[in-house]
């Protein structure tokens, strides 16, 4: 059973989010529902789009959360909905959600994955725990990476 993890930008424009969702649906279409597991940290943007695409396909969702504070009241409706829909929720012990917490979550996410889908513009990263860093770590570990960045895609504020 393939286990596909996701990393990606949180700041997608609305048009890009729709195009990314369509691309993720197409990417996951070949996998029979009972044989698909998606792993996501449930962050806004790419992680949420991927988690929704996995669930829409009838797959199983595994959530990897950097720390218990991810589940607080400010987490948002999408986060709460996806966490409730997850087959399994792994909560790491970070008490502060800093770069180290996100790096640890990425390590856990990759340890579960056969493949990584990166919703990534190919640009340099913002440091440890970000999308570019995760892609580099996955490639160094020999985890296959599929980049999803539809033509015309853009990030908000860029």
N, C-alpha and C. Protein backbone atom coordinates (compact mmCIF):
# COMPACT_ATOMS: atom_id res chain seq x y z
N UNK A 1 0.85 -1.18 0.00
CA UNK A 1 0.00 0.00 0.00
C UNK A 1 0.89 1.24 0.00
N UNK A 2 0.78 2.10 -1.01
CA UNK A 2 1.63 3.29 -1.05
C UNK A 2 1.28 4.30 0.03
N UNK A 3 2.32 4.88 0.61
CA UNK A 3 2.15 5.94 1.59
C UNK A 3 2.80 7.18 0.99
N UNK A 4 1.98 8.19 0.75
CA UNK A 4 2.44 9.41 0.11
C UNK A 4 2.32 10.55 1.11
N UNK A 5 3.44 11.24 1.34
CA UNK A 5 3.45 12.39 2.24
C UNK A 5 3.44 13.67 1.41
N UNK A 6 3.14 14.76 2.07
CA UNK A 6 3.08 16.07 1.38
C UNK A 6 3.88 17.11 2.14
N UNK A 7 4.42 18.01 1.38
CA UNK A 7 4.98 19.26 1.89
C UNK A 7 4.60 20.33 0.90
N UNK A 8 4.56 21.56 1.33
CA UNK A 8 4.23 22.59 0.36
C UNK A 8 3.95 23.94 0.99
N UNK A 9 3.79 24.88 0.10
CA UNK A 9 3.58 26.27 0.52
C UNK A 9 2.20 26.46 1.14
N UNK A 10 2.15 27.35 2.11
CA UNK A 10 0.90 27.67 2.77
C UNK A 10 0.21 28.87 2.13
N UNK A 11 0.97 29.68 1.42
CA UNK A 11 0.47 30.97 0.94
C UNK A 11 0.09 30.95 -0.54
N UNK A 12 -0.70 29.98 -0.93
CA UNK A 12 -1.14 29.86 -2.32
C UNK A 12 -2.27 30.86 -2.60
N UNK A 13 -2.26 31.44 -3.78
CA UNK A 13 -3.38 32.29 -4.17
C UNK A 13 -4.62 31.40 -4.35
N UNK A 14 -5.82 31.96 -4.29
CA UNK A 14 -7.02 31.15 -4.48
C UNK A 14 -7.03 30.41 -5.83
N UNK A 15 -6.60 31.08 -6.89
CA UNK A 15 -6.56 30.43 -8.21
C UNK A 15 -5.57 29.28 -8.21
N UNK A 16 -4.42 29.50 -7.59
CA UNK A 16 -3.41 28.45 -7.50
C UNK A 16 -3.92 27.28 -6.66
N UNK A 17 -4.61 27.58 -5.57
CA UNK A 17 -5.14 26.50 -4.72
C UNK A 17 -6.07 25.60 -5.52
N UNK A 18 -6.92 26.19 -6.36
CA UNK A 18 -7.82 25.37 -7.19
C UNK A 18 -7.02 24.53 -8.19
N UNK A 19 -6.01 25.12 -8.81
CA UNK A 19 -5.19 24.38 -9.78
C UNK A 19 -4.39 23.28 -9.10
N UNK A 20 -3.88 23.56 -7.91
CA UNK A 20 -3.12 22.55 -7.16
C UNK A 20 -4.04 21.40 -6.77
N UNK A 21 -5.23 21.73 -6.31
CA UNK A 21 -6.18 20.67 -5.92
C UNK A 21 -6.49 19.77 -7.12
N UNK A 22 -6.71 20.35 -8.28
CA UNK A 22 -6.97 19.56 -9.49
C UNK A 22 -5.76 18.69 -9.83
N UNK A 23 -4.57 19.24 -9.69
CA UNK A 23 -3.35 18.47 -9.97
C UNK A 23 -3.18 17.33 -8.97
N UNK A 24 -3.51 17.57 -7.70
CA UNK A 24 -3.41 16.52 -6.69
C UNK A 24 -4.45 15.42 -6.95
N UNK A 25 -5.66 15.81 -7.33
CA UNK A 25 -6.68 14.82 -7.68
C UNK A 25 -6.20 13.93 -8.82
N UNK A 26 -5.59 14.53 -9.84
CA UNK A 26 -5.07 13.76 -10.98
C UNK A 26 -3.92 12.86 -10.55
N UNK A 27 -3.05 13.37 -9.70
CA UNK A 27 -1.90 12.59 -9.22
C UNK A 27 -2.36 11.36 -8.42
N UNK A 28 -3.40 11.51 -7.63
CA UNK A 28 -3.88 10.41 -6.78
C UNK A 28 -4.85 9.48 -7.49
N UNK A 29 -5.38 9.89 -8.63
CA UNK A 29 -6.40 9.10 -9.34
C UNK A 29 -6.00 7.65 -9.62
N UNK A 30 -4.74 7.36 -9.94
CA UNK A 30 -4.39 5.96 -10.24
C UNK A 30 -4.42 5.01 -9.03
N UNK A 31 -4.46 5.55 -7.83
CA UNK A 31 -4.40 4.72 -6.63
C UNK A 31 -5.79 4.28 -6.19
N UNK A 32 -6.01 2.97 -6.06
CA UNK A 32 -7.30 2.52 -5.51
C UNK A 32 -7.47 3.03 -4.09
N UNK A 33 -8.67 3.43 -3.74
CA UNK A 33 -8.95 4.05 -2.45
C UNK A 33 -8.44 3.22 -1.28
N UNK A 34 -8.67 1.94 -1.31
CA UNK A 34 -8.26 1.08 -0.20
C UNK A 34 -6.77 0.88 -0.09
N UNK A 35 -6.03 1.37 -1.08
CA UNK A 35 -4.58 1.18 -1.09
C UNK A 35 -3.81 2.48 -0.95
N UNK A 36 -4.48 3.55 -0.60
CA UNK A 36 -3.83 4.86 -0.53
C UNK A 36 -3.81 5.37 0.91
N UNK A 37 -2.63 5.76 1.36
CA UNK A 37 -2.49 6.45 2.63
C UNK A 37 -1.75 7.75 2.37
N UNK A 38 -2.30 8.85 2.84
CA UNK A 38 -1.67 10.15 2.74
C UNK A 38 -1.24 10.62 4.11
N UNK A 39 -0.06 11.26 4.16
CA UNK A 39 0.49 11.76 5.42
C UNK A 39 0.67 13.26 5.29
N UNK A 40 0.13 14.00 6.25
CA UNK A 40 0.15 15.46 6.18
C UNK A 40 0.26 16.05 7.58
N UNK A 41 0.90 17.21 7.66
CA UNK A 41 0.94 17.96 8.93
C UNK A 41 -0.29 18.85 9.11
N UNK A 42 -1.18 18.87 8.12
CA UNK A 42 -2.45 19.59 8.16
C UNK A 42 -2.31 21.10 8.23
N UNK A 43 -1.17 21.63 7.80
CA UNK A 43 -1.00 23.09 7.76
C UNK A 43 -1.92 23.66 6.68
N UNK A 44 -2.23 24.95 6.77
CA UNK A 44 -3.03 25.57 5.70
C UNK A 44 -2.30 25.47 4.36
N UNK A 45 -3.04 25.58 3.29
CA UNK A 45 -2.42 25.55 1.96
C UNK A 45 -2.25 24.14 1.44
N UNK A 46 -1.04 23.81 1.00
CA UNK A 46 -0.76 22.54 0.33
C UNK A 46 -1.14 21.33 1.18
N UNK A 47 -0.79 21.35 2.46
CA UNK A 47 -1.08 20.20 3.33
C UNK A 47 -2.58 19.92 3.40
N UNK A 48 -3.35 20.98 3.56
CA UNK A 48 -4.81 20.84 3.65
C UNK A 48 -5.40 20.37 2.32
N UNK A 49 -4.94 20.95 1.21
CA UNK A 49 -5.43 20.53 -0.11
C UNK A 49 -5.14 19.05 -0.35
N UNK A 50 -3.94 18.61 0.00
CA UNK A 50 -3.56 17.21 -0.16
C UNK A 50 -4.43 16.30 0.72
N UNK A 51 -4.59 16.67 1.99
CA UNK A 51 -5.40 15.86 2.90
C UNK A 51 -6.83 15.71 2.38
N UNK A 52 -7.39 16.81 1.90
CA UNK A 52 -8.74 16.76 1.33
C UNK A 52 -8.79 15.86 0.09
N UNK A 53 -7.76 15.93 -0.74
CA UNK A 53 -7.72 15.10 -1.95
C UNK A 53 -7.62 13.61 -1.59
N UNK A 54 -6.83 13.28 -0.58
CA UNK A 54 -6.72 11.89 -0.13
C UNK A 54 -8.07 11.39 0.37
N UNK A 55 -8.72 12.18 1.20
CA UNK A 55 -10.02 11.77 1.74
C UNK A 55 -11.08 11.67 0.65
N UNK A 56 -11.06 12.61 -0.29
CA UNK A 56 -12.04 12.57 -1.39
C UNK A 56 -11.84 11.31 -2.24
N UNK A 57 -10.63 10.83 -2.30
CA UNK A 57 -10.30 9.62 -3.07
C UNK A 57 -10.69 8.37 -2.28
N UNK A 58 -11.04 8.52 -1.01
CA UNK A 58 -11.39 7.37 -0.17
C UNK A 58 -10.19 6.77 0.52
N UNK A 59 -9.06 7.50 0.51
CA UNK A 59 -7.85 7.00 1.15
C UNK A 59 -7.84 7.26 2.64
N UNK A 60 -6.81 6.73 3.28
CA UNK A 60 -6.62 6.94 4.72
C UNK A 60 -5.69 8.12 4.92
N UNK A 61 -5.96 8.90 5.96
CA UNK A 61 -5.15 10.07 6.28
C UNK A 61 -4.44 9.86 7.60
N UNK A 62 -3.14 10.13 7.60
CA UNK A 62 -2.34 10.13 8.82
C UNK A 62 -1.88 11.56 9.04
N UNK A 63 -2.15 12.10 10.21
CA UNK A 63 -1.73 13.46 10.55
C UNK A 63 -0.51 13.40 11.45
N UNK A 64 0.50 14.19 11.12
CA UNK A 64 1.70 14.31 11.96
C UNK A 64 1.75 15.76 12.43
N UNK A 65 1.59 15.95 13.72
CA UNK A 65 1.54 17.29 14.29
C UNK A 65 2.81 17.56 15.10
N UNK A 66 3.43 18.72 14.91
CA UNK A 66 4.70 18.99 15.60
C UNK A 66 4.58 19.06 17.12
N UNK A 67 3.41 19.38 17.62
CA UNK A 67 3.25 19.48 19.07
C UNK A 67 1.80 19.59 19.45
N UNK A 68 1.51 19.40 20.73
CA UNK A 68 0.12 19.44 21.19
C UNK A 68 -0.55 20.80 20.99
N UNK A 69 0.22 21.88 20.93
CA UNK A 69 -0.39 23.20 20.77
C UNK A 69 -0.97 23.40 19.38
N UNK A 70 -0.69 22.49 18.46
CA UNK A 70 -1.28 22.59 17.10
C UNK A 70 -2.79 22.46 17.16
N UNK A 71 -3.30 21.85 18.19
CA UNK A 71 -4.73 21.56 18.23
C UNK A 71 -5.53 22.59 19.01
N UNK A 72 -4.94 23.74 19.28
CA UNK A 72 -5.63 24.77 20.06
C UNK A 72 -6.76 25.42 19.29
N UNK A 73 -7.50 26.31 19.95
CA UNK A 73 -8.66 26.95 19.35
C UNK A 73 -8.33 27.77 18.10
N UNK A 74 -7.10 28.27 17.98
CA UNK A 74 -6.73 29.07 16.82
C UNK A 74 -6.34 28.24 15.61
N UNK A 75 -6.44 26.92 15.71
CA UNK A 75 -5.98 26.04 14.63
C UNK A 75 -6.84 26.14 13.38
N UNK A 76 -8.09 26.50 13.50
CA UNK A 76 -8.94 26.67 12.34
C UNK A 76 -9.85 25.49 12.07
N UNK A 77 -10.92 25.79 11.33
CA UNK A 77 -11.94 24.78 11.05
C UNK A 77 -11.42 23.66 10.16
N UNK A 78 -10.60 24.00 9.14
CA UNK A 78 -10.07 22.94 8.28
C UNK A 78 -9.19 21.99 9.07
N UNK A 79 -8.35 22.54 9.93
CA UNK A 79 -7.48 21.71 10.75
C UNK A 79 -8.32 20.77 11.62
N UNK A 80 -9.30 21.30 12.30
CA UNK A 80 -10.14 20.48 13.19
C UNK A 80 -10.88 19.40 12.41
N UNK A 81 -11.41 19.77 11.26
CA UNK A 81 -12.14 18.80 10.42
C UNK A 81 -11.22 17.67 9.94
N UNK A 82 -10.04 18.04 9.47
CA UNK A 82 -9.11 17.03 8.96
C UNK A 82 -8.54 16.17 10.08
N UNK A 83 -8.25 16.78 11.20
CA UNK A 83 -7.76 15.99 12.34
C UNK A 83 -8.81 14.95 12.75
N UNK A 84 -10.07 15.36 12.77
CA UNK A 84 -11.14 14.42 13.14
C UNK A 84 -11.30 13.32 12.09
N UNK A 85 -11.02 13.62 10.84
CA UNK A 85 -11.17 12.64 9.76
C UNK A 85 -9.97 11.70 9.63
N UNK A 86 -8.87 12.05 10.27
CA UNK A 86 -7.65 11.25 10.15
C UNK A 86 -7.83 9.87 10.78
N UNK A 87 -7.27 8.90 10.11
CA UNK A 87 -7.25 7.53 10.62
C UNK A 87 -6.33 7.41 11.83
N UNK A 88 -5.27 8.22 11.80
CA UNK A 88 -4.25 8.17 12.84
C UNK A 88 -3.69 9.58 13.01
N UNK A 89 -3.48 10.00 14.25
CA UNK A 89 -2.90 11.30 14.54
C UNK A 89 -1.68 11.09 15.43
N UNK A 90 -0.52 11.49 14.92
CA UNK A 90 0.72 11.41 15.70
C UNK A 90 1.04 12.81 16.19
N UNK A 91 1.08 13.00 17.50
CA UNK A 91 1.37 14.30 18.08
C UNK A 91 2.76 14.24 18.70
N UNK A 92 3.68 15.01 18.15
CA UNK A 92 5.03 15.06 18.66
C UNK A 92 5.08 15.96 19.89
N UNK A 93 6.14 15.85 20.69
CA UNK A 93 6.14 16.52 22.00
C UNK A 93 6.60 17.97 22.04
N UNK A 94 6.80 18.63 20.93
CA UNK A 94 7.32 20.00 20.97
C UNK A 94 6.39 20.91 21.77
N UNK A 95 6.98 21.67 22.68
CA UNK A 95 6.19 22.62 23.46
C UNK A 95 6.20 24.00 22.81
N UNK A 96 7.18 24.22 21.94
CA UNK A 96 7.29 25.48 21.20
C UNK A 96 7.32 25.12 19.72
N UNK A 97 6.48 25.75 18.93
CA UNK A 97 6.44 25.46 17.50
C UNK A 97 7.45 26.35 16.76
N UNK A 98 8.72 25.91 16.83
CA UNK A 98 9.81 26.63 16.18
C UNK A 98 10.36 25.77 15.05
N UNK A 99 11.46 26.22 14.44
CA UNK A 99 12.06 25.47 13.34
C UNK A 99 12.34 24.02 13.73
N UNK A 100 12.86 23.80 14.93
CA UNK A 100 13.19 22.44 15.38
C UNK A 100 11.94 21.56 15.43
N UNK A 101 10.83 22.11 15.84
CA UNK A 101 9.58 21.34 15.90
C UNK A 101 9.13 20.92 14.50
N UNK A 102 9.25 21.84 13.54
CA UNK A 102 8.84 21.52 12.17
C UNK A 102 9.81 20.55 11.50
N UNK A 103 11.09 20.67 11.83
CA UNK A 103 12.07 19.70 11.31
C UNK A 103 11.75 18.31 11.86
N UNK A 104 11.45 18.21 13.15
CA UNK A 104 11.10 16.92 13.75
C UNK A 104 9.84 16.33 13.11
N UNK A 105 8.85 17.17 12.86
CA UNK A 105 7.63 16.69 12.20
C UNK A 105 7.94 16.20 10.79
N UNK A 106 8.81 16.91 10.07
CA UNK A 106 9.19 16.47 8.73
C UNK A 106 9.94 15.14 8.76
N UNK A 107 10.80 14.96 9.74
CA UNK A 107 11.53 13.69 9.87
C UNK A 107 10.53 12.55 10.09
N UNK A 108 9.57 12.76 10.97
CA UNK A 108 8.55 11.74 11.24
C UNK A 108 7.72 11.48 9.99
N UNK A 109 7.30 12.54 9.32
CA UNK A 109 6.50 12.41 8.11
C UNK A 109 7.26 11.58 7.06
N UNK A 110 8.53 11.90 6.84
CA UNK A 110 9.33 11.16 5.85
C UNK A 110 9.56 9.71 6.26
N UNK A 111 9.66 9.45 7.56
CA UNK A 111 9.89 8.07 8.00
C UNK A 111 8.71 7.16 7.65
N UNK A 112 7.54 7.74 7.46
CA UNK A 112 6.34 6.98 7.13
C UNK A 112 6.12 6.83 5.63
N UNK A 113 6.81 7.65 4.83
CA UNK A 113 6.46 7.81 3.42
C UNK A 113 7.29 6.96 2.46
N UNK A 114 6.60 6.52 1.41
CA UNK A 114 7.27 5.88 0.28
C UNK A 114 7.62 6.93 -0.77
N UNK A 115 6.91 8.04 -0.74
CA UNK A 115 7.06 9.09 -1.74
C UNK A 115 6.63 10.41 -1.12
N UNK A 116 7.20 11.51 -1.63
CA UNK A 116 6.83 12.84 -1.16
C UNK A 116 6.28 13.65 -2.33
N UNK A 117 5.14 14.27 -2.12
CA UNK A 117 4.58 15.22 -3.07
C UNK A 117 4.90 16.60 -2.52
N UNK A 118 5.55 17.43 -3.35
CA UNK A 118 5.93 18.77 -2.92
C UNK A 118 5.19 19.80 -3.76
N UNK A 119 4.31 20.55 -3.13
CA UNK A 119 3.64 21.67 -3.79
C UNK A 119 4.59 22.85 -3.59
N UNK A 120 5.46 23.02 -4.59
CA UNK A 120 6.64 23.86 -4.41
C UNK A 120 6.96 24.62 -5.68
N UNK A 121 7.26 25.90 -5.52
CA UNK A 121 7.60 26.73 -6.67
C UNK A 121 9.05 26.57 -7.10
N UNK A 122 9.80 25.74 -6.41
CA UNK A 122 11.20 25.49 -6.76
C UNK A 122 12.16 26.51 -6.22
N UNK A 123 11.65 27.49 -5.51
CA UNK A 123 12.49 28.56 -4.99
C UNK A 123 13.23 28.16 -3.72
N UNK A 124 14.17 29.02 -3.31
CA UNK A 124 14.90 28.75 -2.08
C UNK A 124 13.96 28.80 -0.87
N UNK A 125 14.36 28.12 0.15
CA UNK A 125 13.50 28.01 1.32
C UNK A 125 13.66 29.14 2.31
N UNK A 126 12.82 29.07 3.32
CA UNK A 126 12.85 30.03 4.42
C UNK A 126 13.62 29.48 5.62
N UNK A 127 14.33 28.39 5.42
CA UNK A 127 15.11 27.81 6.51
C UNK A 127 14.65 26.42 6.86
N UNK A 128 15.18 25.91 7.96
CA UNK A 128 14.87 24.53 8.37
C UNK A 128 13.37 24.32 8.60
N UNK A 129 12.88 23.19 8.13
CA UNK A 129 11.49 22.83 8.33
C UNK A 129 10.55 23.30 7.24
N UNK A 130 11.04 24.12 6.31
CA UNK A 130 10.20 24.62 5.23
C UNK A 130 10.16 23.66 4.04
N UNK A 131 9.46 24.07 3.01
CA UNK A 131 9.23 23.22 1.85
C UNK A 131 10.54 22.85 1.14
N UNK A 132 11.38 23.83 0.83
CA UNK A 132 12.64 23.55 0.13
C UNK A 132 13.53 22.64 0.96
N UNK A 133 13.57 22.88 2.26
CA UNK A 133 14.37 22.03 3.16
C UNK A 133 13.85 20.60 3.14
N UNK A 134 12.55 20.44 3.20
CA UNK A 134 11.95 19.10 3.19
C UNK A 134 12.26 18.37 1.90
N UNK A 135 12.18 19.06 0.77
CA UNK A 135 12.51 18.44 -0.52
C UNK A 135 13.96 17.98 -0.52
N UNK A 136 14.86 18.82 -0.05
CA UNK A 136 16.28 18.46 -0.01
C UNK A 136 16.53 17.26 0.90
N UNK A 137 15.90 17.23 2.05
CA UNK A 137 16.06 16.11 2.98
C UNK A 137 15.52 14.82 2.36
N UNK A 138 14.37 14.89 1.73
CA UNK A 138 13.78 13.71 1.10
C UNK A 138 14.69 13.18 0.00
N UNK A 139 15.16 14.07 -0.85
CA UNK A 139 16.04 13.64 -1.95
C UNK A 139 17.32 13.02 -1.40
N UNK A 140 17.89 13.62 -0.37
CA UNK A 140 19.12 13.08 0.24
C UNK A 140 18.89 11.70 0.84
N UNK A 141 17.66 11.46 1.32
CA UNK A 141 17.32 10.17 1.92
C UNK A 141 16.89 9.15 0.88
N UNK A 142 16.82 9.56 -0.37
CA UNK A 142 16.40 8.64 -1.43
C UNK A 142 14.90 8.45 -1.55
N UNK A 143 14.13 9.34 -0.92
CA UNK A 143 12.67 9.28 -1.04
C UNK A 143 12.28 9.98 -2.34
N UNK A 144 11.56 9.30 -3.23
CA UNK A 144 11.15 9.95 -4.47
C UNK A 144 10.29 11.18 -4.19
N UNK A 145 10.54 12.24 -4.96
CA UNK A 145 9.81 13.50 -4.80
C UNK A 145 9.12 13.84 -6.12
N UNK A 146 7.83 14.12 -6.04
CA UNK A 146 7.08 14.63 -7.21
C UNK A 146 6.67 16.05 -6.90
N UNK A 147 7.13 16.97 -7.72
CA UNK A 147 6.81 18.39 -7.53
C UNK A 147 5.53 18.71 -8.29
N UNK A 148 4.61 19.37 -7.60
CA UNK A 148 3.36 19.85 -8.19
C UNK A 148 3.41 21.37 -8.16
N UNK A 149 3.46 21.99 -9.32
CA UNK A 149 3.40 23.44 -9.43
C UNK A 149 2.81 23.75 -10.80
N UNK A 150 1.48 23.86 -10.87
CA UNK A 150 0.81 24.06 -12.16
C UNK A 150 1.28 25.33 -12.88
N UNK A 151 1.21 25.33 -14.21
CA UNK A 151 1.56 26.54 -14.96
C UNK A 151 0.74 27.73 -14.46
N UNK A 152 1.41 28.86 -14.29
CA UNK A 152 0.73 30.06 -13.84
C UNK A 152 0.52 30.13 -12.33
N UNK A 153 0.96 29.11 -11.59
CA UNK A 153 0.75 29.09 -10.14
C UNK A 153 1.52 30.25 -9.49
N UNK A 154 0.97 30.72 -8.38
CA UNK A 154 1.60 31.84 -7.67
C UNK A 154 1.32 31.74 -6.18
N UNK A 155 2.21 32.37 -5.44
CA UNK A 155 2.02 32.47 -3.99
C UNK A 155 1.51 33.86 -3.67
N UNK A 156 0.69 33.97 -2.66
CA UNK A 156 0.15 35.26 -2.27
C UNK A 156 1.26 36.17 -1.79
N UNK A 157 1.19 37.42 -2.19
CA UNK A 157 2.17 38.38 -1.73
C UNK A 157 3.51 38.31 -2.43
N UNK A 158 3.59 37.53 -3.51
CA UNK A 158 4.88 37.42 -4.21
C UNK A 158 4.75 37.88 -5.61
